[in-house]
Amino acid sequence: MKNPKEGLNGSISKRRKAMNVQLFNLPMDILSRILSELPINDAIRTSILSRKWKYVWCSHNNLTFNSATMRKHYFKSTTHYGNGILSDNEFITRVDKVLHQHSGLGVERMEVKFRLHNKHAYYIDRWVNFAIASKTKELNIHLFGWGKLLLPRDISYGRVTEEPYNLPSQLFDAGNGSYLQHLELTSVSLQLPADFNGFRNLKHLTLVDVSITDEDAQRMLSKCILLEFVEIASCRMITSIQASYPLGQLKHLVVDNCPLLQEIELNCSLATLQYTGTVVPLVFASTSRLTNICMKFFSFHAALDYIVTGFPSTLPRLETLTLICAERGSVTCFL
């Protein structure tokens, strides 16, 4: 008579084998899609499973390069830098290795998140060009400056502050950025070429700690007419946020800690507005769609003045109003 436990173990074993066979026999495009749900380092590690799996990861469509994904066991460290912290050279070498083996096709999203500067421009330029050639829809470059801490660039805890990376002009050439729908930049320098005609499919734009002039910021906004979400934070050169053309699709605006900012004037009808900083004039074509407003001021008196003199008088759809004052905490009103 069969042992019930053995019978159960046997059926589980058969089921596992069947699942393994089915997974192995799946078409390559399905396997690639499955691996794209894994972080790139884990996807690469599947290459040791068999000959068929060796190159499946090379069509990975979500390339995220940061200190976590580039520190995993797949990579053999040639140096020991600090307590498991990657050196610049190690990070660059590993990213280069991945991109060299990647097919360069079907990349939906690419992110580089590491402390790099303009002295690494030779390598970062190659990565940006890879993203362009791959027709990437989402490009995120976060090179870790001071971000929203609002510390001056000449303070670096006793170290010399490096020059921020300058984005290559070819990213802004007609056609090269035509596939971009989502662009996030942190701690870079951005100078638009004279013939910049915009990213015609761009819907999401985030600029944090970006060195950009008022003129280039205005051109960026004016030439990307499908923008739905814009965030501008800790941009120390900006004094005015304006657009020369209507932004009919813009629904969400975040402006955070731009120390020289004096005005915001956009031809749009927002649904949500989040602002942090000193009191500045806020002028929009219409406030009829605003449902959520969050204002953060550094001074209690500034908040009171804004409520009395600067607050829009017509807000028919407003649902949530949050006022946060550094001196007195916050007040939230639900309407």
C-alpha atoms as a PDB file:
ATOM      1  CA  MET A   1       0.000   0.000   0.000  1.00  0.00           C
ATOM      2  CA  LYS A   2       1.326   3.457  -0.958  1.00  0.00           C
ATOM      3  CA  ASN A   3       2.379   5.839   1.751  1.00  0.00           C
ATOM      4  CA  PRO A   4       0.049   8.911   1.449  1.00  0.00           C
ATOM      5  CA  LYS A   5       2.982  11.196   2.180  1.00  0.00           C
ATOM      6  CA  GLU A   6       5.037   9.660  -0.627  1.00  0.00           C
ATOM      7  CA  GLY A   7       2.099  10.030  -2.995  1.00  0.00           C
ATOM      8  CA  LEU A   8       1.718  13.686  -2.099  1.00  0.00           C
ATOM      9  CA  ASN A   9       5.443  14.362  -2.512  1.00  0.00           C
ATOM     10  CA  GLY A  10       5.399  12.552  -5.832  1.00  0.00           C
ATOM     11  CA  SER A  11       2.527  14.615  -7.202  1.00  0.00           C
ATOM     12  CA  ILE A  12       4.188  17.845  -6.083  1.00  0.00           C
ATOM     13  CA  SER A  13       7.433  16.753  -7.738  1.00  0.00           C
ATOM     14  CA  LYS A  14       5.623  15.955 -11.005  1.00  0.00           C
ATOM     15  CA  ARG A  15       3.836  19.292 -10.889  1.00  0.00           C
ATOM     16  CA  ARG A  16       7.127  21.159 -10.411  1.00  0.00           C
ATOM     17  CA  LYS A  17       8.703  19.275 -13.325  1.00  0.00           C
ATOM     18  CA  ALA A  18       5.733  20.113 -15.528  1.00  0.00           C
ATOM     19  CA  MET A  19       5.985  23.783 -14.590  1.00  0.00           C
ATOM     20  CA  ASN A  20       9.733  23.773 -15.341  1.00  0.00           C
ATOM     21  CA  VAL A  21       9.168  22.184 -18.744  1.00  0.00           C
ATOM     22  CA  GLN A  22       6.429  24.661 -19.599  1.00  0.00           C
ATOM     23  CA  LEU A  23       8.575  27.645 -18.591  1.00  0.00           C
ATOM     24  CA  PHE A  24      11.550  26.315 -20.549  1.00  0.00           C
ATOM     25  CA  ASN A  25       9.432  25.845 -23.675  1.00  0.00           C
ATOM     26  CA  LEU A  26       7.933  29.316 -23.653  1.00  0.00           C
ATOM     27  CA  PRO A  27       8.786  31.548 -26.642  1.00  0.00           C
ATOM     28  CA  MET A  28      11.784  33.830 -26.216  1.00  0.00           C
ATOM     29  CA  ASP A  29       9.702  37.012 -26.254  1.00  0.00           C
ATOM     30  CA  ILE A  30       7.594  35.710 -23.359  1.00  0.00           C
ATOM     31  CA  LEU A  31      10.705  34.730 -21.404  1.00  0.00           C
ATOM     32  CA  SER A  32      12.153  38.192 -22.026  1.00  0.00           C
ATOM     33  CA  ARG A  33       8.980  39.800 -20.733  1.00  0.00           C
ATOM     34  CA  ILE A  34       9.112  37.649 -17.587  1.00  0.00           C
ATOM     35  CA  LEU A  35      12.748  38.568 -16.934  1.00  0.00           C
ATOM     36  CA  SER A  36      11.937  42.249 -17.436  1.00  0.00           C
ATOM     37  CA  GLU A  37       9.937  42.064 -14.211  1.00  0.00           C
ATOM     38  CA  LEU A  38      13.204  41.294 -12.377  1.00  0.00           C
ATOM     39  CA  PRO A  39      15.925  43.830 -11.500  1.00  0.00           C
ATOM     40  CA  ILE A  40      18.604  43.781 -14.189  1.00  0.00           C
ATOM     41  CA  ASN A  41      21.194  42.082 -11.932  1.00  0.00           C
ATOM     42  CA  ASP A  42      18.838  39.200 -11.130  1.00  0.00           C
ATOM     43  CA  ALA A  43      17.845  38.878 -14.785  1.00  0.00           C
ATOM     44  CA  ILE A  44      21.500  38.575 -15.753  1.00  0.00           C
ATOM     45  CA  ARG A  45      22.032  35.800 -13.234  1.00  0.00           C
ATOM     46  CA  THR A  46      19.528  33.592 -15.076  1.00  0.00           C
ATOM     47  CA  SER A  47      22.094  33.311 -17.889  1.00  0.00           C
ATOM     48  CA  ILE A  48      23.792  30.459 -15.999  1.00  0.00           C
ATOM     49  CA  LEU A  49      20.658  28.246 -16.093  1.00  0.00           C
ATOM     50  CA  SER A  50      21.205  26.849 -19.582  1.00  0.00           C
ATOM     51  CA  ARG A  51      22.315  27.736 -23.090  1.00  0.00           C
ATOM     52  CA  LYS A  52      18.801  28.888 -23.964  1.00  0.00           C
ATOM     53  CA  TRP A  53      18.734  31.227 -20.966  1.00  0.00           C
ATOM     54  CA  LYS A  54      22.192  32.647 -21.616  1.00  0.00           C
ATOM     55  CA  TYR A  55      21.003  35.537 -23.762  1.00  0.00           C
ATOM     56  CA  VAL A  56      17.368  35.925 -22.727  1.00  0.00           C
ATOM     57  CA  TRP A  57      18.185  38.852 -20.412  1.00  0.00           C
ATOM     58  CA  CYS A  58      19.804  40.745 -23.315  1.00  0.00           C
ATOM     59  CA  SER A  59      16.368  42.044 -24.304  1.00  0.00           C
ATOM     60  CA  HIS A  60      15.568  43.304 -20.797  1.00  0.00           C
ATOM     61  CA  ASN A  61      13.374  46.396 -21.231  1.00  0.00           C
ATOM     62  CA  ASN A  62      13.834  47.955 -17.774  1.00  0.00           C
ATOM     63  CA  LEU A  63      17.460  48.942 -17.209  1.00  0.00           C
ATOM     64  CA  THR A  64      17.948  50.336 -13.714  1.00  0.00           C
ATOM     65  CA  PHE A  65      21.559  51.074 -12.788  1.00  0.00           C
ATOM     66  CA  ASN A  66      22.179  52.052  -9.174  1.00  0.00           C
ATOM     67  CA  SER A  67      24.393  51.039  -6.254  1.00  0.00           C
ATOM     68  CA  ALA A  68      22.066  48.136  -5.401  1.00  0.00           C
ATOM     69  CA  THR A  69      21.641  46.551  -8.823  1.00  0.00           C
ATOM     70  CA  MET A  70      25.322  46.927  -9.700  1.00  0.00           C
ATOM     71  CA  ARG A  71      26.569  45.536  -6.369  1.00  0.00           C
ATOM     72  CA  LYS A  72      25.049  42.052  -6.570  1.00  0.00           C
ATOM     73  CA  HIS A  73      26.952  38.788  -6.703  1.00  0.00           C
ATOM     74  CA  TYR A  74      26.808  38.504 -10.484  1.00  0.00           C
ATOM     75  CA  PHE A  75      29.624  41.020 -10.694  1.00  0.00           C
ATOM     76  CA  LYS A  76      33.084  40.140  -9.497  1.00  0.00           C
ATOM     77  CA  SER A  77      34.629  43.054  -7.633  1.00  0.00           C
ATOM     78  CA  THR A  78      38.154  43.921  -8.667  1.00  0.00           C
ATOM     79  CA  THR A  79      38.614  46.312  -5.774  1.00  0.00           C
ATOM     80  CA  HIS A  80      37.316  46.756  -2.251  1.00  0.00           C
ATOM     81  CA  TYR A  81      36.062  50.275  -1.750  1.00  0.00           C
ATOM     82  CA  GLY A  82      34.789  51.171   1.691  1.00  0.00           C
ATOM     83  CA  ASN A  83      32.142  49.059   3.341  1.00  0.00           C
ATOM     84  CA  GLY A  84      30.621  47.496   0.248  1.00  0.00           C
ATOM     85  CA  ILE A  85      30.317  50.907  -1.438  1.00  0.00           C
ATOM     86  CA  LEU A  86      30.956  50.973  -5.166  1.00  0.00           C
ATOM     87  CA  SER A  87      33.671  53.228  -6.496  1.00  0.00           C
ATOM     88  CA  ASP A  88      32.925  55.380  -9.537  1.00  0.00           C
ATOM     89  CA  ASN A  89      35.109  53.170 -11.725  1.00  0.00           C
ATOM     90  CA  GLU A  90      33.416  49.973 -10.563  1.00  0.00           C
ATOM     91  CA  PHE A  91      29.971  51.374 -11.275  1.00  0.00           C
ATOM     92  CA  ILE A  92      30.985  52.639 -14.717  1.00  0.00           C
ATOM     93  CA  THR A  93      32.651  49.333 -15.634  1.00  0.00           C
ATOM     94  CA  ARG A  94      29.582  47.328 -14.663  1.00  0.00           C
ATOM     95  CA  VAL A  95      27.118  49.540 -16.502  1.00  0.00           C
ATOM     96  CA  ASP A  96      29.333  49.415 -19.600  1.00  0.00           C
ATOM     97  CA  LYS A  97      29.485  45.620 -19.368  1.00  0.00           C
ATOM     98  CA  VAL A  98      25.694  45.285 -19.229  1.00  0.00           C
ATOM     99  CA  LEU A  99      25.067  47.698 -22.106  1.00  0.00           C
ATOM    100  CA  HIS A 100      27.778  46.071 -24.225  1.00  0.00           C
ATOM    101  CA  GLN A 101      25.965  42.719 -23.988  1.00  0.00           C
ATOM    102  CA  HIS A 102      22.429  44.114 -24.275  1.00  0.00           C
ATOM    103  CA  SER A 103      20.683  43.873 -27.646  1.00  0.00           C
ATOM    104  CA  GLY A 104      19.822  47.576 -27.546  1.00  0.00           C
ATOM    105  CA  LEU A 105      16.252  46.822 -28.606  1.00  0.00           C
ATOM    106  CA  GLY A 106      12.934  47.397 -26.878  1.00  0.00           C
ATOM    107  CA  VAL A 107      14.183  49.385 -23.874  1.00  0.00           C
ATOM    108  CA  GLU A 108      11.096  50.919 -22.275  1.00  0.00           C
ATOM    109  CA  ARG A 109      12.861  52.477 -19.286  1.00  0.00           C
ATOM    110  CA  MET A 110      16.464  53.343 -18.424  1.00  0.00           C
ATOM    111  CA  GLU A 111      17.672  54.842 -15.152  1.00  0.00           C
ATOM    112  CA  VAL A 112      21.143  55.826 -13.978  1.00  0.00           C
ATOM    113  CA  LYS A 113      21.291  56.708 -10.299  1.00  0.00           C
ATOM    114  CA  PHE A 114      24.789  57.243  -8.917  1.00  0.00           C
ATOM    115  CA  ARG A 115      27.141  60.017  -7.793  1.00  0.00           C
ATOM    116  CA  LEU A 116      28.766  61.008 -11.071  1.00  0.00           C
ATOM    117  CA  HIS A 117      29.935  64.344 -12.469  1.00  0.00           C
ATOM    118  CA  ASN A 118      31.085  66.025 -15.654  1.00  0.00           C
ATOM    119  CA  LYS A 119      34.478  64.328 -15.429  1.00  0.00           C
ATOM    120  CA  HIS A 120      32.598  61.100 -16.219  1.00  0.00           C
ATOM    121  CA  ALA A 121      30.915  62.681 -19.271  1.00  0.00           C
ATOM    122  CA  TYR A 122      32.619  60.315 -21.753  1.00  0.00           C
ATOM    123  CA  TYR A 123      30.817  57.339 -20.209  1.00  0.00           C
ATOM    124  CA  ILE A 124      27.473  58.997 -19.408  1.00  0.00           C
ATOM    125  CA  ASP A 125      27.295  60.340 -22.979  1.00  0.00           C
ATOM    126  CA  ARG A 126      27.580  56.757 -24.249  1.00  0.00           C
ATOM    127  CA  TRP A 127      24.750  55.654 -21.964  1.00  0.00           C
ATOM    128  CA  VAL A 128      22.524  58.523 -23.118  1.00  0.00           C
ATOM    129  CA  ASN A 129      23.313  57.644 -26.742  1.00  0.00           C
ATOM    130  CA  PHE A 130      22.390  54.025 -25.981  1.00  0.00           C
ATOM    131  CA  ALA A 131      19.031  55.230 -24.633  1.00  0.00           C
ATOM    132  CA  ILE A 132      18.480  57.349 -27.759  1.00  0.00           C
ATOM    133  CA  ALA A 133      19.353  54.470 -30.102  1.00  0.00           C
ATOM    134  CA  SER A 134      17.120  52.122 -28.097  1.00  0.00           C
ATOM    135  CA  LYS A 135      14.163  54.515 -28.470  1.00  0.00           C
ATOM    136  CA  THR A 136      13.728  54.568 -24.716  1.00  0.00           C
ATOM    137  CA  LYS A 137      10.391  55.954 -23.541  1.00  0.00           C
ATOM    138  CA  GLU A 138      11.467  56.753 -19.974  1.00  0.00           C
ATOM    139  CA  LEU A 139      14.922  58.170 -19.205  1.00  0.00           C
ATOM    140  CA  ASN A 140      15.962  58.997 -15.630  1.00  0.00           C
ATOM    141  CA  ILE A 141      19.401  60.428 -14.870  1.00  0.00           C
ATOM    142  CA  HIS A 142      19.993  61.089 -11.165  1.00  0.00           C
ATOM    143  CA  LEU A 143      23.600  62.070 -10.455  1.00  0.00           C
ATOM    144  CA  PHE A 144      23.227  63.027  -6.792  1.00  0.00           C
ATOM    145  CA  GLY A 145      23.990  66.652  -6.146  1.00  0.00           C
ATOM    146  CA  TRP A 146      22.487  68.361  -3.140  1.00  0.00           C
ATOM    147  CA  GLY A 147      18.953  68.051  -4.456  1.00  0.00           C
ATOM    148  CA  LYS A 148      16.334  69.604  -2.208  1.00  0.00           C
ATOM    149  CA  LEU A 149      18.748  70.301   0.637  1.00  0.00           C
ATOM    150  CA  LEU A 150      19.421  73.680  -0.943  1.00  0.00           C
ATOM    151  CA  LEU A 151      23.061  73.783   0.080  1.00  0.00           C
ATOM    152  CA  PRO A 152      25.370  75.890  -2.097  1.00  0.00           C
ATOM    153  CA  ARG A 153      27.510  73.981  -4.555  1.00  0.00           C
ATOM    154  CA  ASP A 154      30.763  75.187  -2.964  1.00  0.00           C
ATOM    155  CA  ILE A 155      30.045  73.343   0.304  1.00  0.00           C
ATOM    156  CA  SER A 156      30.899  69.650   0.245  1.00  0.00           C
ATOM    157  CA  TYR A 157      31.845  68.631   3.769  1.00  0.00           C
ATOM    158  CA  GLY A 158      35.472  69.573   3.212  1.00  0.00           C
ATOM    159  CA  ARG A 159      35.687  68.153  -0.310  1.00  0.00           C
ATOM    160  CA  VAL A 160      35.877  69.995  -3.636  1.00  0.00           C
ATOM    161  CA  THR A 161      32.517  69.992  -5.386  1.00  0.00           C
ATOM    162  CA  GLU A 162      32.632  68.617  -8.924  1.00  0.00           C
ATOM    163  CA  GLU A 163      31.169  70.312 -11.986  1.00  0.00           C
ATOM    164  CA  PRO A 164      27.744  68.851 -12.850  1.00  0.00           C
ATOM    165  CA  TYR A 165      27.389  66.681 -15.930  1.00  0.00           C
ATOM    166  CA  ASN A 166      26.323  68.509 -19.110  1.00  0.00           C
ATOM    167  CA  LEU A 167      23.661  66.659 -21.083  1.00  0.00           C
ATOM    168  CA  PRO A 168      24.795  66.006 -24.671  1.00  0.00           C
ATOM    169  CA  SER A 169      23.161  68.172 -27.320  1.00  0.00           C
ATOM    170  CA  GLN A 170      22.253  65.147 -29.453  1.00  0.00           C
ATOM    171  CA  LEU A 171      19.562  64.218 -26.927  1.00  0.00           C
ATOM    172  CA  PHE A 172      17.710  67.341 -28.045  1.00  0.00           C
ATOM    173  CA  ASP A 173      18.131  66.847 -31.799  1.00  0.00           C
ATOM    174  CA  ALA A 174      14.963  66.529 -33.846  1.00  0.00           C
ATOM    175  CA  GLY A 175      13.924  62.886 -33.850  1.00  0.00           C
ATOM    176  CA  ASN A 176      16.346  61.652 -31.198  1.00  0.00           C
ATOM    177  CA  GLY A 177      13.994  62.362 -28.318  1.00  0.00           C
ATOM    178  CA  SER A 178      10.829  61.692 -30.257  1.00  0.00           C
ATOM    179  CA  TYR A 179      10.126  58.483 -28.311  1.00  0.00           C
ATOM    180  CA  LEU A 180      10.608  60.061 -24.879  1.00  0.00           C
ATOM    181  CA  GLN A 181       7.459  60.208 -22.780  1.00  0.00           C
ATOM    182  CA  HIS A 182       9.037  60.536 -19.318  1.00  0.00           C
ATOM    183  CA  LEU A 183      12.231  62.465 -18.466  1.00  0.00           C
ATOM    184  CA  GLU A 184      13.718  62.926 -15.002  1.00  0.00           C
ATOM    185  CA  LEU A 185      16.993  64.796 -14.408  1.00  0.00           C
ATOM    186  CA  THR A 186      18.800  65.355 -11.104  1.00  0.00           C
ATOM    187  CA  SER A 187      22.043  67.271 -10.553  1.00  0.00           C
ATOM    188  CA  VAL A 188      22.941  67.895 -14.175  1.00  0.00           C
ATOM    189  CA  SER A 189      23.510  70.933 -16.365  1.00  0.00           C
ATOM    190  CA  LEU A 190      21.076  71.466 -19.227  1.00  0.00           C
ATOM    191  CA  GLN A 191      21.688  73.800 -22.172  1.00  0.00           C
ATOM    192  CA  LEU A 192      19.269  73.537 -25.068  1.00  0.00           C
ATOM    193  CA  PRO A 193      20.613  73.872 -28.620  1.00  0.00           C
ATOM    194  CA  ALA A 194      19.353  76.808 -30.688  1.00  0.00           C
ATOM    195  CA  ASP A 195      17.300  74.519 -32.953  1.00  0.00           C
ATOM    196  CA  PHE A 196      15.514  72.654 -30.136  1.00  0.00           C
ATOM    197  CA  ASN A 197      11.983  71.816 -31.246  1.00  0.00           C
ATOM    198  CA  GLY A 198      10.795  69.953 -28.184  1.00  0.00           C
ATOM    199  CA  PHE A 199      10.007  66.351 -27.301  1.00  0.00           C
ATOM    200  CA  ARG A 200       6.764  65.836 -29.118  1.00  0.00           C
ATOM    201  CA  ASN A 201       5.599  62.894 -26.964  1.00  0.00           C
ATOM    202  CA  LEU A 202       6.896  64.008 -23.566  1.00  0.00           C
ATOM    203  CA  LYS A 203       4.248  63.857 -20.833  1.00  0.00           C
ATOM    204  CA  HIS A 204       6.287  63.841 -17.598  1.00  0.00           C
ATOM    205  CA  LEU A 205       9.190  66.209 -16.845  1.00  0.00           C
ATOM    206  CA  THR A 206      11.124  66.385 -13.565  1.00  0.00           C
ATOM    207  CA  LEU A 207      14.064  68.760 -13.042  1.00  0.00           C
ATOM    208  CA  VAL A 208      15.761  68.583  -9.621  1.00  0.00           C
ATOM    209  CA  ASP A 209      18.953  70.520  -8.849  1.00  0.00           C
ATOM    210  CA  VAL A 210      19.369  71.210 -12.561  1.00  0.00           C
ATOM    211  CA  SER A 211      21.493  74.110 -13.819  1.00  0.00           C
ATOM    212  CA  ILE A 212      19.169  75.674 -16.374  1.00  0.00           C
ATOM    213  CA  THR A 213      18.444  79.262 -17.372  1.00  0.00           C
ATOM    214  CA  ASP A 214      15.020  80.900 -17.391  1.00  0.00           C
ATOM    215  CA  GLU A 215      15.129  81.018 -21.200  1.00  0.00           C
ATOM    216  CA  ASP A 216      15.863  77.299 -21.558  1.00  0.00           C
ATOM    217  CA  ALA A 217      13.269  76.359 -18.960  1.00  0.00           C
ATOM    218  CA  GLN A 218      10.693  78.424 -20.854  1.00  0.00           C
ATOM    219  CA  ARG A 219      11.662  76.809 -24.169  1.00  0.00           C
ATOM    220  CA  MET A 220      11.517  73.342 -22.642  1.00  0.00           C
ATOM    221  CA  LEU A 221       7.989  73.938 -21.363  1.00  0.00           C
ATOM    222  CA  SER A 222       6.786  75.765 -24.465  1.00  0.00           C
ATOM    223  CA  LYS A 223       8.069  73.165 -26.932  1.00  0.00           C
ATOM    224  CA  CYS A 224       6.726  70.101 -25.091  1.00  0.00           C
ATOM    225  CA  ILE A 225       3.031  70.731 -25.544  1.00  0.00           C
ATOM    226  CA  LEU A 226       1.813  67.299 -24.360  1.00  0.00           C
ATOM    227  CA  LEU A 227       3.203  67.730 -20.845  1.00  0.00           C
ATOM    228  CA  GLU A 228       0.836  66.487 -18.147  1.00  0.00           C
ATOM    229  CA  PHE A 229       3.189  66.558 -15.115  1.00  0.00           C
ATOM    230  CA  VAL A 230       5.999  69.033 -14.382  1.00  0.00           C
ATOM    231  CA  GLU A 231       8.249  69.168 -11.323  1.00  0.00           C
ATOM    232  CA  ILE A 232      10.918  71.846 -10.884  1.00  0.00           C
ATOM    233  CA  ALA A 233      12.848  71.622  -7.603  1.00  0.00           C
ATOM    234  CA  SER A 234      16.035  73.123  -6.168  1.00  0.00           C
ATOM    235  CA  CYS A 235      16.945  74.764  -9.471  1.00  0.00           C
ATOM    236  CA  ARG A 236      19.118  77.622  -8.246  1.00  0.00           C
ATOM    237  CA  MET A 237      19.318  79.638 -11.480  1.00  0.00           C
ATOM    238  CA  ILE A 238      15.603  79.904 -12.200  1.00  0.00           C
ATOM    239  CA  THR A 239      13.885  83.205 -11.413  1.00  0.00           C
ATOM    240  CA  SER A 240      10.757  82.742 -13.541  1.00  0.00           C
ATOM    241  CA  ILE A 241       8.667  79.769 -14.673  1.00  0.00           C
ATOM    242  CA  GLN A 242       6.781  80.675 -17.829  1.00  0.00           C
ATOM    243  CA  ALA A 243       5.693  79.188 -21.138  1.00  0.00           C
ATOM    244  CA  SER A 244       5.071  81.103 -24.337  1.00  0.00           C
ATOM    245  CA  TYR A 245       2.385  78.711 -25.567  1.00  0.00           C
ATOM    246  CA  PRO A 246      -0.681  77.148 -23.941  1.00  0.00           C
ATOM    247  CA  LEU A 247      -0.077  73.901 -22.065  1.00  0.00           C
ATOM    248  CA  GLY A 248      -3.517  72.440 -22.496  1.00  0.00           C
ATOM    249  CA  GLN A 249      -2.582  68.974 -21.189  1.00  0.00           C
ATOM    250  CA  LEU A 250      -0.745  70.129 -18.048  1.00  0.00           C
ATOM    251  CA  LYS A 251      -2.609  68.843 -14.990  1.00  0.00           C
ATOM    252  CA  HIS A 252      -0.002  68.555 -12.224  1.00  0.00           C
ATOM    253  CA  LEU A 253       2.626  71.130 -11.228  1.00  0.00           C
ATOM    254  CA  VAL A 254       5.202  70.779  -8.435  1.00  0.00           C
ATOM    255  CA  VAL A 255       7.580  73.657  -7.671  1.00  0.00           C
ATOM    256  CA  ASP A 256       9.845  73.060  -4.708  1.00  0.00           C
ATOM    257  CA  ASN A 257      12.536  75.260  -3.111  1.00  0.00           C
ATOM    258  CA  CYS A 258      13.862  77.301  -6.035  1.00  0.00           C
ATOM    259  CA  PRO A 259      15.563  80.072  -4.024  1.00  0.00           C
ATOM    260  CA  LEU A 260      15.641  82.803  -6.711  1.00  0.00           C
ATOM    261  CA  LEU A 261      12.154  82.218  -8.075  1.00  0.00           C
ATOM    262  CA  GLN A 262      10.062  85.379  -8.396  1.00  0.00           C
ATOM    263  CA  GLU A 263       7.034  84.348 -10.461  1.00  0.00           C
ATOM    264  CA  ILE A 264       5.077  81.489 -12.001  1.00  0.00           C
ATOM    265  CA  GLU A 265       2.904  82.288 -15.011  1.00  0.00           C
ATOM    266  CA  LEU A 266       1.548  79.466 -17.168  1.00  0.00           C
ATOM    267  CA  ASN A 267      -1.257  79.260 -19.681  1.00  0.00           C
ATOM    268  CA  CYS A 268      -2.812  76.087 -18.299  1.00  0.00           C
ATOM    269  CA  SER A 269      -5.645  74.729 -16.188  1.00  0.00           C
ATOM    270  CA  LEU A 270      -4.185  72.582 -13.414  1.00  0.00           C
ATOM    271  CA  ALA A 271      -5.849  69.853 -11.378  1.00  0.00           C
ATOM    272  CA  THR A 272      -3.182  69.734  -8.639  1.00  0.00           C
ATOM    273  CA  LEU A 273      -0.659  72.314  -7.471  1.00  0.00           C
ATOM    274  CA  GLN A 274       2.156  71.803  -4.968  1.00  0.00           C
ATOM    275  CA  TYR A 275       4.410  74.727  -4.102  1.00  0.00           C
ATOM    276  CA  THR A 276       7.205  75.137  -1.542  1.00  0.00           C
ATOM    277  CA  GLY A 277       9.144  78.372  -1.060  1.00  0.00           C
ATOM    278  CA  THR A 278       8.643  82.081  -0.512  1.00  0.00           C
ATOM    279  CA  VAL A 279       5.474  83.851  -1.613  1.00  0.00           C
ATOM    280  CA  VAL A 280       5.541  84.559  -5.355  1.00  0.00           C
ATOM    281  CA  PRO A 281       2.800  85.557  -7.830  1.00  0.00           C
ATOM    282  CA  LEU A 282       1.006  82.489  -9.221  1.00  0.00           C
ATOM    283  CA  VAL A 283      -0.810  83.187 -12.488  1.00  0.00           C
ATOM    284  CA  PHE A 284      -2.680  80.516 -14.441  1.00  0.00           C
ATOM    285  CA  ALA A 285      -5.058  80.801 -17.372  1.00  0.00           C
ATOM    286  CA  SER A 286      -7.753  79.088 -15.336  1.00  0.00           C
ATOM    287  CA  THR A 287      -8.176  77.681 -11.830  1.00  0.00           C
ATOM    288  CA  SER A 288     -11.524  76.045 -12.547  1.00  0.00           C
ATOM    289  CA  ARG A 289     -10.105  72.489 -12.532  1.00  0.00           C
ATOM    290  CA  LEU A 290      -7.973  72.787  -9.381  1.00  0.00           C
ATOM    291  CA  THR A 291      -9.003  70.077  -6.909  1.00  0.00           C
ATOM    292  CA  ASN A 292      -5.893  69.741  -4.732  1.00  0.00           C
ATOM    293  CA  ILE A 293      -3.562  72.517  -3.531  1.00  0.00           C
ATOM    294  CA  CYS A 294      -0.619  72.120  -1.156  1.00  0.00           C
ATOM    295  CA  MET A 295       1.352  75.271  -0.243  1.00  0.00           C
ATOM    296  CA  LYS A 296       4.428  75.164   1.996  1.00  0.00           C
ATOM    297  CA  PHE A 297       5.833  78.476   3.219  1.00  0.00           C
ATOM    298  CA  PHE A 298       8.786  79.189   5.474  1.00  0.00           C
ATOM    299  CA  SER A 299       7.006  82.010   7.279  1.00  0.00           C
ATOM    300  CA  PHE A 300       3.643  82.063   9.050  1.00  0.00           C
ATOM    301  CA  HIS A 301       3.098  85.712   8.079  1.00  0.00           C
ATOM    302  CA  ALA A 302       3.847  84.889   4.442  1.00  0.00           C
ATOM    303  CA  ALA A 303       1.151  82.208   4.517  1.00  0.00           C
ATOM    304  CA  LEU A 304      -1.385  84.644   5.976  1.00  0.00           C
ATOM    305  CA  ASP A 305      -0.492  87.313   3.416  1.00  0.00           C
ATOM    306  CA  TYR A 306      -0.921  84.799   0.604  1.00  0.00           C
ATOM    307  CA  ILE A 307      -4.355  83.742   1.816  1.00  0.00           C
ATOM    308  CA  VAL A 308      -5.475  87.368   1.921  1.00  0.00           C
ATOM    309  CA  THR A 309      -3.849  88.780  -1.220  1.00  0.00           C
ATOM    310  CA  GLY A 310      -2.494  86.018  -3.452  1.00  0.00           C
ATOM    311  CA  PHE A 311      -4.950  83.147  -3.245  1.00  0.00           C
ATOM    312  CA  PRO A 312      -7.110  82.511  -6.337  1.00  0.00           C
ATOM    313  CA  SER A 313     -10.618  83.826  -5.766  1.00  0.00           C
ATOM    314  CA  THR A 314     -12.411  81.254  -7.940  1.00  0.00           C
ATOM    315  CA  LEU A 315     -11.884  77.588  -7.098  1.00  0.00           C
ATOM    316  CA  PRO A 316     -15.172  75.820  -7.878  1.00  0.00           C
ATOM    317  CA  ARG A 317     -13.770  72.261  -7.779  1.00  0.00           C
ATOM    318  CA  LEU A 318     -11.354  72.552  -4.878  1.00  0.00           C
ATOM    319  CA  GLU A 319     -11.488  69.485  -2.611  1.00  0.00           C
ATOM    320  CA  THR A 320      -8.308  69.669  -0.506  1.00  0.00           C
ATOM    321  CA  LEU A 321      -6.306  72.712   0.557  1.00  0.00           C
ATOM    322  CA  THR A 322      -3.166  72.184   2.648  1.00  0.00           C
ATOM    323  CA  LEU A 323      -1.120  75.084   4.060  1.00  0.00           C
ATOM    324  CA  ILE A 324       2.154  74.192   5.756  1.00  0.00           C
ATOM    325  CA  CYS A 325       4.191  76.837   7.574  1.00  0.00           C
ATOM    326  CA  ALA A 326       7.676  76.048   8.851  1.00  0.00           C
ATOM    327  CA  GLU A 327       7.043  78.152  11.957  1.00  0.00           C
ATOM    328  CA  ARG A 328       3.635  76.802  12.986  1.00  0.00           C
ATOM    329  CA  GLY A 329       3.147  73.352  11.491  1.00  0.00           C
ATOM    330  CA  SER A 330       0.342  72.705   9.033  1.00  0.00           C
ATOM    331  CA  VAL A 331      -3.378  73.174   8.508  1.00  0.00           C
ATOM    332  CA  THR A 332      -5.384  70.984   6.123  1.00  0.00           C
ATOM    333  CA  CYS A 333      -8.826  71.931   4.873  1.00  0.00           C
ATOM    334  CA  PHE A 334     -11.114  69.403   3.211  1.00  0.00           C
ATOM    335  CA  LEU A 335     -13.827  71.075   1.154  1.00  0.00           C
END
